[in-house]
Amino acid sequence: MNDRRDLWAIAEALLIFVPFSLVGAIFGDTIRKDVLTRRQRIAAAAFSWTMGPALGAATVNELGWSVFTGFVVASAAPTVTYDVIALVKAFLRWGQDDPRSWVTIFKDTLVAALSAFLPWRK
């Protein structure tokens, strides 16, 4: 009996953030519609829609920040997860299109990133 109340308390804590997460998931889907296929968009939507309430509740309950900040996090988290998923998809597509090996691609990317931040490296 006590487990049901605990589960309901968790669900109740997450339910307040669901509408804000839905808004962020819809926004993330509209800006990344061209990168992902339909099946990938459904999986990304499910993942990002669950990440919004979880991160919003963690912001309020674990960090002790205000509920308004939790709403902002619940709205922004799905968009960020869509961006990360699209970045991974773009990197994988770039690796498939490039005839070089993955090690060479990673090394060249790392060298380019370091040369941008370290001006004395050429």
N, C-alpha and C. Protein backbone atom coordinates (compact mmCIF):
# COMPACT_ATOMS: atom_id res chain seq x y z
N MET A 1 0.82 -1.19 0.00
CA MET A 1 0.00 0.00 0.00
C MET A 1 0.87 1.26 0.00
N ASN A 2 1.91 1.22 0.73
CA ASN A 2 2.79 2.37 0.83
C ASN A 2 3.50 2.62 -0.50
N ASP A 3 3.78 1.55 -1.26
CA ASP A 3 4.43 1.70 -2.56
C ASP A 3 3.54 2.44 -3.56
N ARG A 4 2.25 2.20 -3.50
CA ARG A 4 1.33 2.90 -4.40
C ARG A 4 1.32 4.39 -4.12
N ARG A 5 1.34 4.75 -2.84
CA ARG A 5 1.37 6.17 -2.51
C ARG A 5 2.68 6.81 -2.96
N ASP A 6 3.76 6.07 -2.86
CA ASP A 6 5.05 6.60 -3.31
C ASP A 6 5.04 6.80 -4.82
N LEU A 7 4.50 5.83 -5.54
CA LEU A 7 4.42 5.96 -7.00
C LEU A 7 3.51 7.11 -7.41
N TRP A 8 2.41 7.29 -6.71
CA TRP A 8 1.51 8.39 -7.02
C TRP A 8 2.17 9.74 -6.72
N ALA A 9 2.95 9.81 -5.66
CA ALA A 9 3.66 11.05 -5.33
C ALA A 9 4.67 11.39 -6.42
N ILE A 10 5.34 10.39 -6.95
CA ILE A 10 6.29 10.64 -8.03
C ILE A 10 5.55 11.09 -9.29
N ALA A 11 4.45 10.41 -9.61
CA ALA A 11 3.67 10.78 -10.79
C ALA A 11 3.09 12.18 -10.65
N GLU A 12 2.63 12.51 -9.45
CA GLU A 12 2.07 13.84 -9.23
C GLU A 12 3.13 14.92 -9.37
N ALA A 13 4.34 14.63 -8.92
CA ALA A 13 5.43 15.60 -9.04
C ALA A 13 5.83 15.80 -10.50
N LEU A 14 5.67 14.77 -11.31
CA LEU A 14 6.03 14.89 -12.73
C LEU A 14 4.91 15.48 -13.58
N LEU A 15 3.67 15.28 -13.19
CA LEU A 15 2.53 15.72 -14.01
C LEU A 15 2.47 17.23 -14.20
N ILE A 16 2.95 17.98 -13.26
CA ILE A 16 2.88 19.43 -13.37
C ILE A 16 3.77 19.95 -14.51
N PHE A 17 4.81 19.18 -14.86
CA PHE A 17 5.75 19.62 -15.88
C PHE A 17 5.42 19.09 -17.28
N VAL A 18 4.44 18.22 -17.40
CA VAL A 18 4.12 17.60 -18.69
C VAL A 18 3.69 18.61 -19.75
N PRO A 19 2.81 19.58 -19.47
CA PRO A 19 2.44 20.53 -20.54
C PRO A 19 3.62 21.35 -21.05
N PHE A 20 4.52 21.73 -20.16
CA PHE A 20 5.68 22.50 -20.58
C PHE A 20 6.63 21.65 -21.41
N SER A 21 6.75 20.38 -21.04
CA SER A 21 7.58 19.46 -21.81
C SER A 21 6.98 19.21 -23.18
N LEU A 22 5.67 19.16 -23.27
CA LEU A 22 5.01 18.96 -24.55
C LEU A 22 5.28 20.13 -25.50
N VAL A 23 5.25 21.33 -24.97
CA VAL A 23 5.56 22.52 -25.78
C VAL A 23 6.99 22.45 -26.30
N GLY A 24 7.93 22.09 -25.42
CA GLY A 24 9.33 21.97 -25.85
C GLY A 24 9.54 20.86 -26.85
N ALA A 25 8.82 19.75 -26.70
CA ALA A 25 8.95 18.64 -27.64
C ALA A 25 8.38 19.01 -29.01
N ILE A 26 7.28 19.73 -29.04
CA ILE A 26 6.71 20.17 -30.32
C ILE A 26 7.65 21.15 -31.01
N PHE A 27 8.21 22.07 -30.24
CA PHE A 27 9.15 23.03 -30.82
C PHE A 27 10.40 22.31 -31.34
N GLY A 28 10.94 21.38 -30.56
CA GLY A 28 12.11 20.64 -31.01
C GLY A 28 11.84 19.82 -32.25
N ASP A 29 10.63 19.27 -32.35
CA ASP A 29 10.28 18.48 -33.53
C ASP A 29 10.15 19.36 -34.76
N THR A 30 9.60 20.54 -34.61
CA THR A 30 9.42 21.39 -35.79
C THR A 30 10.74 21.92 -36.33
N ILE A 31 11.74 22.13 -35.46
CA ILE A 31 13.00 22.67 -35.98
C ILE A 31 13.93 21.57 -36.46
N ARG A 32 13.67 20.31 -36.11
CA ARG A 32 14.52 19.20 -36.55
C ARG A 32 13.78 18.21 -37.44
N LYS A 33 12.73 18.66 -38.09
CA LYS A 33 11.90 17.78 -38.90
C LYS A 33 12.66 17.25 -40.12
N ASP A 34 13.56 18.03 -40.68
CA ASP A 34 14.25 17.63 -41.90
C ASP A 34 15.41 16.67 -41.65
N VAL A 35 15.91 16.59 -40.44
CA VAL A 35 17.08 15.77 -40.15
C VAL A 35 16.70 14.32 -39.86
N LEU A 36 15.62 14.11 -39.14
CA LEU A 36 15.25 12.78 -38.69
C LEU A 36 14.13 12.19 -39.55
N THR A 37 14.14 10.86 -39.66
CA THR A 37 13.06 10.18 -40.36
C THR A 37 11.83 10.13 -39.44
N ARG A 38 10.73 9.65 -39.98
CA ARG A 38 9.49 9.61 -39.18
C ARG A 38 9.64 8.71 -37.96
N ARG A 39 10.22 7.55 -38.13
CA ARG A 39 10.41 6.63 -37.01
C ARG A 39 11.37 7.22 -35.97
N GLN A 40 12.42 7.88 -36.42
CA GLN A 40 13.36 8.50 -35.50
C GLN A 40 12.72 9.68 -34.78
N ARG A 41 11.86 10.41 -35.47
CA ARG A 41 11.16 11.52 -34.82
C ARG A 41 10.23 11.04 -33.72
N ILE A 42 9.56 9.90 -33.93
CA ILE A 42 8.68 9.35 -32.90
C ILE A 42 9.49 8.92 -31.69
N ALA A 43 10.62 8.27 -31.91
CA ALA A 43 11.47 7.85 -30.79
C ALA A 43 12.06 9.06 -30.07
N ALA A 44 12.50 10.06 -30.83
CA ALA A 44 13.05 11.27 -30.20
C ALA A 44 11.98 12.03 -29.43
N ALA A 45 10.76 12.04 -29.95
CA ALA A 45 9.67 12.73 -29.25
C ALA A 45 9.35 12.04 -27.93
N ALA A 46 9.30 10.71 -27.95
CA ALA A 46 9.03 9.98 -26.71
C ALA A 46 10.13 10.19 -25.68
N PHE A 47 11.37 10.15 -26.14
CA PHE A 47 12.49 10.35 -25.22
C PHE A 47 12.52 11.76 -24.67
N SER A 48 12.39 12.75 -25.53
CA SER A 48 12.48 14.13 -25.06
C SER A 48 11.27 14.54 -24.23
N TRP A 49 10.11 13.96 -24.54
CA TRP A 49 8.91 14.29 -23.77
C TRP A 49 9.01 13.74 -22.36
N THR A 50 9.72 12.63 -22.16
CA THR A 50 9.92 12.11 -20.81
C THR A 50 11.07 12.81 -20.10
N MET A 51 12.02 13.33 -20.84
CA MET A 51 13.15 14.02 -20.20
C MET A 51 12.73 15.37 -19.62
N GLY A 52 11.78 16.04 -20.23
CA GLY A 52 11.33 17.34 -19.74
C GLY A 52 10.79 17.30 -18.32
N PRO A 53 9.78 16.47 -18.03
CA PRO A 53 9.28 16.41 -16.66
C PRO A 53 10.32 15.87 -15.67
N ALA A 54 11.13 14.93 -16.10
CA ALA A 54 12.13 14.37 -15.19
C ALA A 54 13.16 15.43 -14.80
N LEU A 55 13.64 16.19 -15.76
CA LEU A 55 14.63 17.22 -15.45
C LEU A 55 14.00 18.42 -14.73
N GLY A 56 12.75 18.74 -15.06
CA GLY A 56 12.05 19.81 -14.35
C GLY A 56 11.83 19.46 -12.89
N ALA A 57 11.40 18.21 -12.63
CA ALA A 57 11.20 17.78 -11.25
C ALA A 57 12.52 17.69 -10.50
N ALA A 58 13.57 17.26 -11.18
CA ALA A 58 14.89 17.20 -10.53
C ALA A 58 15.39 18.59 -10.19
N THR A 59 15.10 19.56 -11.02
CA THR A 59 15.52 20.93 -10.75
C THR A 59 14.84 21.47 -9.50
N VAL A 60 13.56 21.19 -9.36
CA VAL A 60 12.80 21.69 -8.21
C VAL A 60 13.10 20.89 -6.95
N ASN A 61 13.03 19.57 -7.06
CA ASN A 61 13.14 18.74 -5.86
C ASN A 61 14.57 18.53 -5.40
N GLU A 62 15.48 18.28 -6.31
CA GLU A 62 16.84 17.95 -5.91
C GLU A 62 17.71 19.19 -5.73
N LEU A 63 17.59 20.15 -6.62
CA LEU A 63 18.40 21.36 -6.52
C LEU A 63 17.78 22.41 -5.62
N GLY A 64 16.48 22.31 -5.39
CA GLY A 64 15.81 23.26 -4.52
C GLY A 64 15.53 24.61 -5.17
N TRP A 65 15.50 24.65 -6.50
CA TRP A 65 15.22 25.89 -7.20
C TRP A 65 13.72 26.10 -7.26
N SER A 66 13.29 27.22 -7.77
CA SER A 66 11.86 27.55 -7.79
C SER A 66 11.11 26.72 -8.83
N VAL A 67 9.80 26.70 -8.68
CA VAL A 67 8.96 25.95 -9.61
C VAL A 67 9.01 26.59 -11.00
N PHE A 68 9.11 27.92 -11.05
CA PHE A 68 9.21 28.61 -12.33
C PHE A 68 10.45 28.15 -13.09
N THR A 69 11.57 27.99 -12.39
CA THR A 69 12.79 27.49 -13.03
C THR A 69 12.58 26.06 -13.51
N GLY A 70 11.85 25.26 -12.75
CA GLY A 70 11.52 23.90 -13.19
C GLY A 70 10.68 23.91 -14.46
N PHE A 71 9.75 24.87 -14.57
CA PHE A 71 8.96 24.99 -15.80
C PHE A 71 9.84 25.34 -16.99
N VAL A 72 10.79 26.23 -16.78
CA VAL A 72 11.70 26.62 -17.86
C VAL A 72 12.56 25.44 -18.28
N VAL A 73 13.07 24.70 -17.31
CA VAL A 73 13.89 23.53 -17.62
C VAL A 73 13.05 22.47 -18.34
N ALA A 74 11.82 22.26 -17.88
CA ALA A 74 10.94 21.27 -18.52
C ALA A 74 10.59 21.69 -19.95
N SER A 75 10.57 22.97 -20.23
CA SER A 75 10.30 23.44 -21.60
C SER A 75 11.53 23.36 -22.49
N ALA A 76 12.70 23.65 -21.93
CA ALA A 76 13.92 23.70 -22.73
C ALA A 76 14.57 22.33 -22.93
N ALA A 77 14.39 21.42 -21.99
CA ALA A 77 15.05 20.12 -22.07
C ALA A 77 14.67 19.32 -23.32
N PRO A 78 13.40 19.25 -23.71
CA PRO A 78 13.08 18.49 -24.92
C PRO A 78 13.72 19.07 -26.18
N THR A 79 13.80 20.37 -26.27
CA THR A 79 14.43 20.99 -27.43
C THR A 79 15.92 20.65 -27.48
N VAL A 80 16.56 20.69 -26.33
CA VAL A 80 17.99 20.36 -26.26
C VAL A 80 18.22 18.89 -26.59
N THR A 81 17.35 18.00 -26.11
CA THR A 81 17.52 16.59 -26.44
C THR A 81 17.32 16.34 -27.93
N TYR A 82 16.38 17.05 -28.56
CA TYR A 82 16.24 16.95 -30.01
C TYR A 82 17.52 17.42 -30.70
N ASP A 83 18.12 18.50 -30.22
CA ASP A 83 19.35 18.99 -30.82
C ASP A 83 20.48 17.98 -30.69
N VAL A 84 20.60 17.34 -29.54
CA VAL A 84 21.66 16.35 -29.33
C VAL A 84 21.43 15.14 -30.23
N ILE A 85 20.19 14.69 -30.33
CA ILE A 85 19.88 13.56 -31.20
C ILE A 85 20.17 13.91 -32.66
N ALA A 86 19.81 15.09 -33.09
CA ALA A 86 20.08 15.51 -34.47
C ALA A 86 21.58 15.67 -34.71
N LEU A 87 22.33 16.12 -33.71
CA LEU A 87 23.78 16.25 -33.84
C LEU A 87 24.43 14.88 -34.01
N VAL A 88 24.01 13.92 -33.23
CA VAL A 88 24.55 12.56 -33.36
C VAL A 88 24.19 11.99 -34.73
N LYS A 89 22.96 12.21 -35.16
CA LYS A 89 22.53 11.71 -36.48
C LYS A 89 23.35 12.37 -37.60
N ALA A 90 23.60 13.67 -37.50
CA ALA A 90 24.39 14.36 -38.52
C ALA A 90 25.84 13.87 -38.52
N PHE A 91 26.39 13.61 -37.34
CA PHE A 91 27.77 13.12 -37.26
C PHE A 91 27.86 11.72 -37.85
N LEU A 92 26.87 10.87 -37.58
CA LEU A 92 26.87 9.53 -38.16
C LEU A 92 26.71 9.56 -39.67
N ARG A 93 25.85 10.45 -40.16
CA ARG A 93 25.67 10.58 -41.61
C ARG A 93 26.94 11.11 -42.27
N TRP A 94 27.61 12.05 -41.59
CA TRP A 94 28.86 12.59 -42.11
C TRP A 94 29.91 11.50 -42.16
N GLY A 95 29.94 10.64 -41.15
CA GLY A 95 30.90 9.53 -41.14
C GLY A 95 30.63 8.51 -42.23
N GLN A 96 29.38 8.30 -42.58
CA GLN A 96 29.05 7.37 -43.65
C GLN A 96 29.41 7.94 -45.02
N ASP A 97 29.24 9.24 -45.19
CA ASP A 97 29.51 9.86 -46.48
C ASP A 97 31.00 10.09 -46.72
N ASP A 98 31.79 10.17 -45.66
CA ASP A 98 33.22 10.43 -45.77
C ASP A 98 33.97 9.10 -45.94
N PRO A 99 34.81 8.97 -46.96
CA PRO A 99 35.48 7.69 -47.18
C PRO A 99 36.60 7.39 -46.17
N ARG A 100 37.02 8.39 -45.40
CA ARG A 100 38.09 8.16 -44.43
C ARG A 100 37.58 7.32 -43.26
N SER A 101 38.49 6.85 -42.44
CA SER A 101 38.09 6.03 -41.29
C SER A 101 37.58 6.93 -40.16
N TRP A 102 36.88 6.31 -39.19
CA TRP A 102 36.33 7.05 -38.06
C TRP A 102 37.43 7.69 -37.22
N VAL A 103 38.56 7.03 -37.10
CA VAL A 103 39.67 7.56 -36.31
C VAL A 103 40.20 8.84 -36.95
N THR A 104 40.33 8.84 -38.25
CA THR A 104 40.81 10.04 -38.96
C THR A 104 39.81 11.18 -38.84
N ILE A 105 38.54 10.88 -38.97
CA ILE A 105 37.51 11.91 -38.85
C ILE A 105 37.54 12.51 -37.44
N PHE A 106 37.60 11.66 -36.42
CA PHE A 106 37.62 12.15 -35.03
C PHE A 106 38.87 12.96 -34.77
N LYS A 107 40.02 12.49 -35.28
CA LYS A 107 41.28 13.21 -35.07
C LYS A 107 41.25 14.58 -35.74
N ASP A 108 40.76 14.65 -36.97
CA ASP A 108 40.69 15.93 -37.67
C ASP A 108 39.73 16.89 -36.98
N THR A 109 38.61 16.37 -36.48
CA THR A 109 37.65 17.21 -35.75
C THR A 109 38.26 17.73 -34.46
N LEU A 110 38.98 16.87 -33.75
CA LEU A 110 39.61 17.28 -32.50
C LEU A 110 40.71 18.31 -32.75
N VAL A 111 41.51 18.12 -33.79
CA VAL A 111 42.56 19.08 -34.11
C VAL A 111 41.96 20.43 -34.51
N ALA A 112 40.87 20.42 -35.27
CA ALA A 112 40.22 21.67 -35.67
C ALA A 112 39.64 22.39 -34.45
N ALA A 113 39.06 21.64 -33.52
CA ALA A 113 38.50 22.26 -32.32
C ALA A 113 39.60 22.83 -31.44
N LEU A 114 40.69 22.11 -31.29
CA LEU A 114 41.80 22.61 -30.47
C LEU A 114 42.47 23.82 -31.10
N SER A 115 42.61 23.82 -32.41
CA SER A 115 43.24 24.97 -33.06
C SER A 115 42.36 26.21 -32.99
N ALA A 116 41.06 26.03 -32.84
CA ALA A 116 40.18 27.19 -32.68
C ALA A 116 40.32 27.79 -31.29
N PHE A 117 40.58 26.97 -30.28
CA PHE A 117 40.69 27.47 -28.91
C PHE A 117 42.12 27.76 -28.48
N LEU A 118 43.09 27.12 -29.12
CA LEU A 118 44.49 27.36 -28.78
C LEU A 118 45.17 28.06 -29.97
N PRO A 119 45.35 29.36 -29.89
CA PRO A 119 45.82 30.11 -31.06
C PRO A 119 47.26 29.81 -31.45
N TRP A 120 48.09 29.28 -30.55
CA TRP A 120 49.47 29.03 -30.90
C TRP A 120 49.66 27.71 -31.63
N ARG A 121 48.65 26.88 -31.72
CA ARG A 121 48.73 25.61 -32.42
C ARG A 121 48.33 25.82 -33.88
N LYS A 122 49.15 25.33 -34.78
CA LYS A 122 48.83 25.50 -36.21
C LYS A 122 48.69 24.18 -36.88
